[in-house]
Structures are given as structure tokens and as C-alpha cells.
Amino acid sequence: MLTEPVMLDILRESLWTALIIALPILGVALIVGLVIGLLQALTSVQELTLTFVPKLAAILAAYWFSMSFASQMLVRLFQEKIIPLITGA
């Protein structure tokens, strides 16, 4: 039975899982952005593609390396929380 406390618990757990999955990618984007911004400030080069391309490459690499972790987190969420509600177990 999907009551309000159960629904809020699933929502809380889902948001927490989404945050944990997004943290490595956002952390890499933040660090690369800060490093590139610092380099731009030191060299006075203000090229927009200089920030976009390395940050995109770093985000793609972080996504690639964290895919298995994210998949395991999502599978665990579904197996422990969502599928038992659907099946009524």
C-alpha cells in the first residue's frame, strides 16, 4: 500500500541516490572549471572554447568511469524500494 510516509520515504531515497550519482560528475566539472578559469586569469586568454572543450571531455570521462557505480546504485534502489511496492511483496 502506497501511503504518504512510504511515498515520502521513496522520494527521499530517490533524491539521495540521484545526488550521490551526480556528485562525481559535478565535482569533476567544478575542479576542471576552476583550473581552466585560473589558467585563463593567469594568461589573460579569454577564449570560450578553451573552457568548454576540456570541461566536456572531463565530464565525459567522469561519466564513463562512474557508470558502473551509478548503475549499481540505481539497481539497488529499484530492488530494495520500488519493485517490492509494485509487486506488493
C-alpha atoms as a PDB file:
ATOM      1  CA  MET A   1       0.000   0.000   0.000  1.00  0.00           C
ATOM      2  CA  LEU A   2       1.414   3.350  -1.006  1.00  0.00           C
ATOM      3  CA  THR A   3       0.721   5.661   1.907  1.00  0.00           C
ATOM      4  CA  GLU A   4       2.082   9.155   2.298  1.00  0.00           C
ATOM      5  CA  PRO A   5       5.004   8.222   4.612  1.00  0.00           C
ATOM      6  CA  VAL A   6       6.038   5.387   2.266  1.00  0.00           C
ATOM      7  CA  MET A   7       5.851   7.680  -0.754  1.00  0.00           C
ATOM      8  CA  LEU A   8       7.916  10.366   1.004  1.00  0.00           C
ATOM      9  CA  ASP A   9      10.497   7.776   2.053  1.00  0.00           C
ATOM     10  CA  ILE A  10      10.854   6.576  -1.542  1.00  0.00           C
ATOM     11  CA  LEU A  11      11.117  10.171  -2.763  1.00  0.00           C
ATOM     12  CA  ARG A  12      13.787  10.937  -0.152  1.00  0.00           C
ATOM     13  CA  GLU A  13      15.755   7.816  -1.021  1.00  0.00           C
ATOM     14  CA  SER A  14      15.470   8.550  -4.760  1.00  0.00           C
ATOM     15  CA  LEU A  15      16.699  12.123  -4.378  1.00  0.00           C
ATOM     16  CA  TRP A  16      19.583  10.972  -2.175  1.00  0.00           C
ATOM     17  CA  THR A  17      20.554   8.369  -4.781  1.00  0.00           C
ATOM     18  CA  ALA A  18      20.400  10.965  -7.559  1.00  0.00           C
ATOM     19  CA  LEU A  19      22.652  13.271  -5.542  1.00  0.00           C
ATOM     20  CA  ILE A  20      25.198  10.525  -4.880  1.00  0.00           C
ATOM     21  CA  ILE A  21      25.228   9.565  -8.559  1.00  0.00           C
ATOM     22  CA  ALA A  22      25.673  13.185  -9.705  1.00  0.00           C
ATOM     23  CA  LEU A  23      28.405  14.166  -7.227  1.00  0.00           C
ATOM     24  CA  PRO A  24      31.427  12.680  -9.056  1.00  0.00           C
ATOM     25  CA  ILE A  25      30.456  14.302 -12.353  1.00  0.00           C
ATOM     26  CA  LEU A  26      29.666  17.664 -10.774  1.00  0.00           C
ATOM     27  CA  GLY A  27      32.857  17.545  -8.715  1.00  0.00           C
ATOM     28  CA  VAL A  28      34.982  16.939 -11.802  1.00  0.00           C
ATOM     29  CA  ALA A  29      33.214  19.761 -13.646  1.00  0.00           C
ATOM     30  CA  LEU A  30      33.842  22.115 -10.716  1.00  0.00           C
ATOM     31  CA  ILE A  31      37.524  21.248 -10.397  1.00  0.00           C
ATOM     32  CA  VAL A  32      38.201  21.453 -14.147  1.00  0.00           C
ATOM     33  CA  GLY A  33      36.279  24.731 -14.375  1.00  0.00           C
ATOM     34  CA  LEU A  34      38.306  26.238 -11.543  1.00  0.00           C
ATOM     35  CA  VAL A  35      41.620  25.102 -13.032  1.00  0.00           C
ATOM     36  CA  ILE A  36      40.741  26.408 -16.500  1.00  0.00           C
ATOM     37  CA  GLY A  37      39.464  29.675 -15.044  1.00  0.00           C
ATOM     38  CA  LEU A  38      42.661  30.100 -13.074  1.00  0.00           C
ATOM     39  CA  LEU A  39      44.759  29.429 -16.169  1.00  0.00           C
ATOM     40  CA  GLN A  40      42.703  31.939 -18.151  1.00  0.00           C
ATOM     41  CA  ALA A  41      43.135  34.555 -15.464  1.00  0.00           C
ATOM     42  CA  LEU A  42      46.882  33.970 -15.293  1.00  0.00           C
ATOM     43  CA  THR A  43      47.432  34.054 -19.053  1.00  0.00           C
ATOM     44  CA  SER A  44      44.742  36.643 -19.948  1.00  0.00           C
ATOM     45  CA  VAL A  45      43.383  34.326 -22.646  1.00  0.00           C
ATOM     46  CA  GLN A  46      39.601  34.700 -22.819  1.00  0.00           C
ATOM     47  CA  GLU A  47      38.591  32.035 -25.321  1.00  0.00           C
ATOM     48  CA  LEU A  48      35.199  30.373 -24.718  1.00  0.00           C
ATOM     49  CA  THR A  49      36.118  27.080 -26.347  1.00  0.00           C
ATOM     50  CA  LEU A  50      39.093  26.822 -24.002  1.00  0.00           C
ATOM     51  CA  THR A  51      36.686  26.311 -21.109  1.00  0.00           C
ATOM     52  CA  PHE A  52      34.046  24.271 -22.913  1.00  0.00           C
ATOM     53  CA  VAL A  53      36.070  21.526 -24.599  1.00  0.00           C
ATOM     54  CA  PRO A  54      38.260  20.411 -21.639  1.00  0.00           C
ATOM     55  CA  LYS A  55      35.298  20.556 -19.263  1.00  0.00           C
ATOM     56  CA  LEU A  56      33.190  18.482 -21.652  1.00  0.00           C
ATOM     57  CA  ALA A  57      35.986  15.925 -22.030  1.00  0.00           C
ATOM     58  CA  ALA A  58      36.451  15.701 -18.257  1.00  0.00           C
ATOM     59  CA  ILE A  59      32.704  15.301 -17.675  1.00  0.00           C
ATOM     60  CA  LEU A  60      32.503  12.538 -20.274  1.00  0.00           C
ATOM     61  CA  ALA A  61      35.473  10.759 -18.678  1.00  0.00           C
ATOM     62  CA  ALA A  62      33.944  11.070 -15.199  1.00  0.00           C
ATOM     63  CA  TYR A  63      30.634   9.771 -16.524  1.00  0.00           C
ATOM     64  CA  TRP A  64      32.367   6.840 -18.203  1.00  0.00           C
ATOM     65  CA  PHE A  65      34.273   5.873 -15.042  1.00  0.00           C
ATOM     66  CA  SER A  66      31.245   6.240 -12.744  1.00  0.00           C
ATOM     67  CA  MET A  67      28.741   4.366 -14.937  1.00  0.00           C
ATOM     68  CA  SER A  68      29.073   1.048 -13.094  1.00  0.00           C
ATOM     69  CA  PHE A  69      28.736   2.760  -9.710  1.00  0.00           C
ATOM     70  CA  ALA A  70      25.640   4.656 -10.868  1.00  0.00           C
ATOM     71  CA  SER A  71      24.093   1.503 -12.325  1.00  0.00           C
ATOM     72  CA  GLN A  72      24.661  -0.404  -9.100  1.00  0.00           C
ATOM     73  CA  MET A  73      23.078   2.392  -7.074  1.00  0.00           C
ATOM     74  CA  LEU A  74      20.003   2.528  -9.328  1.00  0.00           C
ATOM     75  CA  VAL A  75      19.589  -1.253  -9.376  1.00  0.00           C
ATOM     76  CA  ARG A  76      19.823  -1.349  -5.581  1.00  0.00           C
ATOM     77  CA  LEU A  77      17.205   1.412  -5.264  1.00  0.00           C
ATOM     78  CA  PHE A  78      14.818  -0.404  -7.572  1.00  0.00           C
ATOM     79  CA  GLN A  79      15.370  -3.834  -5.990  1.00  0.00           C
ATOM     80  CA  GLU A  80      15.026  -2.626  -2.415  1.00  0.00           C
ATOM     81  CA  LYS A  81      12.382   0.095  -2.680  1.00  0.00           C
ATOM     82  CA  ILE A  82      10.421   0.329  -5.915  1.00  0.00           C
ATOM     83  CA  ILE A  83       9.955  -3.250  -7.155  1.00  0.00           C
ATOM     84  CA  PRO A  84       8.620  -4.516  -3.777  1.00  0.00           C
ATOM     85  CA  LEU A  85       5.971  -1.789  -3.907  1.00  0.00           C
ATOM     86  CA  ILE A  86       4.965  -2.748  -7.443  1.00  0.00           C
ATOM     87  CA  THR A  87       4.771  -6.468  -6.705  1.00  0.00           C
ATOM     88  CA  GLY A  88       3.220  -5.988  -3.276  1.00  0.00           C
ATOM     89  CA  ALA A  89       5.904  -8.003  -1.520  1.00  0.00           C
END
